[in-house]
Protein backbone atom coordinates (compact mmCIF):
# COMPACT_ATOMS: atom_id res chain seq x y z
CA LYS A 1 0.00 0.00 0.00
CA GLN A 2 0.97 3.59 -0.49
CA TRP A 3 1.86 5.66 2.52
CA TYR A 4 -1.41 7.62 2.35
CA GLN A 5 -3.38 4.33 2.38
CA ARG A 6 -1.72 3.03 5.54
CA ARG A 7 -2.73 3.67 9.10
CA VAL A 8 -0.37 6.26 10.52
CA ALA A 9 0.22 6.63 14.26
CA ILE A 10 1.45 9.92 15.74
CA THR A 11 2.82 9.93 19.27
CA ALA A 12 4.11 12.93 21.22
CA GLY A 13 6.01 13.08 24.48
CA VAL A 14 8.24 15.25 26.62
CA VAL A 15 11.81 14.04 27.06
CA LYS A 16 14.95 15.30 28.80
CA ASN A 17 18.33 15.64 27.17
CA LYS A 18 21.77 15.60 28.79
CA ALA A 19 21.45 19.29 29.71
CA SER A 20 18.31 18.46 31.74
CA THR A 21 16.17 20.59 29.45
CA ARG A 22 12.75 19.40 28.35
CA LYS A 23 11.59 19.31 24.77
CA ILE A 24 8.61 17.90 22.92
CA VAL A 25 9.29 14.99 20.55
CA VAL A 26 6.75 13.87 17.96
CA VAL A 27 7.08 10.45 16.31
CA MET A 28 5.07 9.32 13.28
CA SER A 29 5.03 5.59 12.51
CA THR A 30 3.31 3.31 10.00
CA THR A 31 3.90 0.18 12.10
CA LYS A 32 1.35 -1.41 14.36
CA ILE A 33 0.10 1.09 16.92
CA ILE A 34 1.87 0.66 20.27
CA LYS A 35 0.11 2.18 23.26
CA GLY A 36 1.21 2.73 26.84
CA VAL A 37 4.33 4.07 28.54
CA THR A 38 7.55 2.46 29.76
CA GLN A 39 7.91 1.64 33.44
CA ASP A 40 11.07 -0.45 33.62
CA ASP A 41 13.40 2.55 33.24
CA GLY A 42 11.40 4.87 35.48
CA LYS A 43 11.11 7.53 32.75
CA PHE A 44 7.54 6.71 31.67
CA LYS A 45 8.23 7.46 28.02
CA PRO A 46 5.73 6.47 25.32
CA ALA A 47 6.18 2.84 24.31
CA LEU A 48 6.72 3.87 20.70
CA PHE A 49 9.83 5.81 21.78
CA LYS A 50 11.21 2.67 23.43
CA PHE A 51 10.47 0.66 20.29
CA TYR A 52 12.39 3.22 18.24
CA ASP A 53 15.38 3.10 20.61
CA TYR A 54 15.60 -0.69 20.32
CA ASN A 55 15.20 -1.00 16.55
CA LYS A 56 16.55 2.20 14.98
CA GLY A 57 20.06 2.35 16.41
CA GLY A 58 21.85 0.61 13.54
CA THR A 59 23.37 3.80 12.14
CA ASP A 60 24.69 4.89 15.53
CA ILE A 61 26.22 1.46 16.19
CA PHE A 62 27.81 1.47 12.74
CA ASP A 63 29.35 4.92 13.35
CA GLN A 64 30.72 3.78 16.71
CA ARG A 65 32.34 0.69 15.19
CA VAL A 66 33.79 2.75 12.34
CA ASP A 67 35.26 5.44 14.62
CA LYS A 68 37.02 2.91 16.86
CA TYR A 69 39.53 1.83 14.18
CA THR A 70 38.97 4.13 11.22
CA THR A 71 41.07 4.75 8.13
CA LYS A 72 39.97 8.35 7.78
CA ALA A 73 42.60 10.97 7.03
CA MET A 74 42.46 14.71 6.48
CA SER A 75 41.91 15.39 2.80
CA LYS A 76 40.17 18.02 0.69
CA LYS A 77 39.66 15.63 -2.21
CA TRP A 78 36.29 13.91 -2.14
CA PRO A 79 37.54 10.71 -3.89
CA HIS A 80 39.95 10.17 -0.98
CA VAL A 81 37.20 10.70 1.59
CA THR A 82 34.92 8.30 -0.29
CA PHE A 83 37.68 5.68 -0.50
CA TYR A 84 38.34 5.90 3.26
CA TYR A 85 34.62 5.52 3.96
CA LEU A 86 34.42 2.47 1.69
CA LEU A 87 37.33 0.84 3.54
CA ASP A 88 35.58 1.39 6.87
CA CYS A 89 32.34 -0.03 5.47
CA ILE A 90 34.17 -3.09 4.15
CA ARG A 91 35.74 -3.78 7.53
CA VAL A 92 32.54 -3.39 9.56
CA ASN A 93 30.20 -5.17 7.13
CA SER A 94 32.56 -8.07 6.41
CA GLN A 95 33.10 -8.63 10.13
CA THR A 96 29.33 -8.59 10.71
CA VAL A 97 28.59 -11.06 7.90
CA HIS A 98 31.42 -13.40 8.94
CA SER A 99 30.29 -13.37 12.57
CA LEU A 100 26.66 -14.10 11.70
CA ASN A 101 27.61 -16.91 9.31
CA ASN A 102 29.72 -18.55 12.04
CA SER A 103 27.16 -18.02 14.85
CA LYS A 104 29.37 -15.54 16.72
CA ASN A 105 28.39 -12.50 18.71
CA VAL A 106 29.30 -9.47 16.59
CA ARG A 107 29.96 -7.32 19.64
CA LYS A 108 32.49 -9.79 21.08
CA VAL A 109 34.58 -10.20 17.94
CA GLU A 110 37.78 -8.15 18.12
CA SER A 111 37.63 -5.36 15.53
CA TYR A 112 41.36 -4.66 15.56
CA GLY A 113 42.37 -8.23 14.81
CA TRP A 114 39.76 -8.49 12.06
CA GLY A 115 41.04 -5.27 10.47
CA ILE A 116 44.64 -6.54 10.48
CA ALA A 117 43.56 -9.85 8.93
CA LEU A 118 41.57 -8.01 6.25
CA VAL A 119 44.51 -5.77 5.35
CA GLU A 120 46.87 -8.74 5.13
CA ALA A 121 44.43 -10.60 2.87
CA LEU A 122 44.21 -7.58 0.54
CA ILE A 123 47.96 -6.92 0.22
CA ARG A 124 49.27 -10.51 0.33
CA PRO A 125 48.68 -11.25 -3.42
CA SER A 126 50.56 -8.07 -4.42
CA VAL A 127 53.45 -8.79 -2.06
CA ALA A 128 53.73 -12.38 -3.32
CA ILE A 129 54.34 -11.31 -6.94
CA ARG A 130 56.60 -8.37 -6.07
CA PRO A 131 60.22 -8.84 -7.17
CA THR A 132 62.59 -8.88 -4.20
CA LYS A 133 65.71 -7.88 -6.13
CA GLY A 134 67.18 -4.67 -4.75
CA LEU A 135 65.15 -4.73 -1.52
CA THR A 136 66.84 -4.47 1.84
CA ALA A 137 66.97 -7.45 4.19
CA SER A 138 64.48 -5.75 6.49
CA VAL A 139 61.88 -5.33 3.74
CA LYS A 140 62.50 -8.85 2.47
CA SER A 141 61.93 -10.35 5.90
CA LYS A 142 58.62 -8.52 6.20
CA CYS A 143 57.50 -9.74 2.78
CA TYR A 144 58.44 -13.35 3.51
CA GLU A 145 56.82 -13.21 6.92
CA LEU A 146 53.57 -11.93 5.39
CA THR A 147 53.46 -14.50 2.58
CA GLY A 148 54.60 -17.37 4.80
CA GLU A 149 57.54 -18.26 2.54
CA GLN A 150 61.09 -18.99 3.60
CA ARG A 151 62.62 -15.74 4.75
CA PHE A 152 65.64 -15.69 2.46
CA ARG A 153 64.56 -18.42 0.01
CA GLY A 154 67.71 -20.44 0.64
CA GLU A 155 70.00 -17.40 0.53
CA GLU A 156 72.38 -16.77 3.37
CA PRO A 157 72.78 -13.21 4.63
CA GLU A 158 76.10 -11.58 4.04
CA GLY A 159 78.80 -11.95 6.66
CA THR A 160 77.72 -15.21 8.36
CA ASN A 161 80.95 -17.14 7.72
CA GLY A 162 82.29 -16.65 11.24
CA GLN A 163 82.36 -12.87 10.99
CA VAL A 164 80.77 -10.51 13.46
CA LEU A 165 77.82 -8.71 11.84
CA LYS A 166 77.31 -5.01 12.36
CA PRO A 167 73.94 -3.61 13.42
CA LYS A 168 71.64 -2.84 10.50
CA THR A 169 70.65 0.56 11.88
CA ASP A 170 71.82 3.13 14.40
CA THR A 171 68.38 4.57 15.09
CA ALA A 172 66.29 3.61 18.11
CA GLY A 173 63.00 1.77 17.77
CA TYR A 174 60.50 -0.47 19.53
CA CYS A 175 61.04 -4.20 19.95
CA ARG A 176 59.10 -5.97 17.19
CA THR A 177 58.24 -8.98 19.36
CA CYS A 178 56.95 -6.74 22.16
CA LEU A 179 54.79 -4.82 19.69
CA LYS A 180 53.21 -8.04 18.44
CA SER A 181 52.33 -9.04 22.00
CA ILE A 182 50.40 -5.80 22.71
CA TYR A 183 48.41 -5.56 19.48
CA GLY A 184 44.73 -4.91 20.20
CA GLU A 185 42.84 -2.44 22.32
CA ASN A 186 44.74 0.44 23.93
CA PHE A 187 47.69 -0.29 21.68
CA THR A 188 48.94 3.31 21.71
CA GLN A 189 48.88 3.56 25.51
CA LYS A 190 50.71 0.24 25.88
CA ARG A 191 53.33 1.21 23.31
CA ARG A 192 54.15 4.38 25.23
CA LYS A 193 55.23 2.23 28.18
CA LEU A 194 57.79 0.45 26.00
CA GLY A 195 61.19 2.08 25.78
CA LYS A 196 63.00 2.54 22.48
CA ILE A 197 66.12 0.45 21.94
CA LYS A 198 69.00 0.34 19.47
CA SER A 199 69.68 -3.40 19.65
CA CYS A 200 68.44 -5.28 16.60
CA CYS A 201 68.63 -8.65 14.91
CA GLN A 202 71.76 -8.91 12.72
CA LYS A 203 69.94 -11.05 10.20
CA CYS A 204 66.68 -9.22 9.48
CA GLY A 205 67.54 -5.83 10.99
CA MET A 206 64.44 -5.65 13.19
CA HIS A 207 64.70 -4.04 16.60
CA GLN A 208 64.66 -6.59 19.41
CA CYS A 209 65.05 -6.06 23.14
CA LEU A 210 67.53 -8.07 25.19
CA THR A 211 64.71 -10.33 26.39
CA HIS A 212 64.07 -11.60 22.84
CA LEU A 213 67.65 -11.66 21.56
CA VAL A 214 69.86 -14.74 21.53
CA ALA A 215 73.56 -13.93 21.92
CA LYS A 216 76.10 -16.11 20.07
CA CYS A 217 79.83 -15.75 19.68
CA ALA A 218 81.58 -15.74 16.31
CA ASP A 219 82.69 -19.40 16.67
CA CYS A 220 79.15 -20.63 17.39
CA ARG A 221 77.69 -18.97 14.33
């Protein structure tokens, strides 16, 4: 039926906002007429308001899930803004569909871990076909770690024939193993508690703290 052929219900009520000011709210609905007021919350709002709160919060929940781990960046170009929004929609919607198909609670699935897995799935095919000639050992190790292949594909790093290797970098950084262990919620706050170090692996060049380094002499190499 057309909207003018349906039975329309109009409900009005007085509600309070966060500033404790009162205002009149009018709701028009074409659903089945719901009479009465709410008593469980002690606010005695019209029942139609409660029905709206329970069933019309999808947009607000979507915005909250997007803002938690968003890809938005400052840009004056509308194609960039649209692309960032599409990435956020892909993350939220794919996580929702996957959770429902596997009988999981959407609210209990970790959004950060799902976002990392989605990014890895999108870039893994491009990394797998990328030529590694001319890349540094640090970049190679990241590529091989992402694709799951052998790190050096049978190649031995330079200077392993009993010689002492020099550090790959002189700059300070965070321990890679420690960063992996704190991935998830409150990642930024946890990372601030980690101190920067200059010690790094002599094979891949990644920063590693003394807890995760294995010391060997030149004869044992």
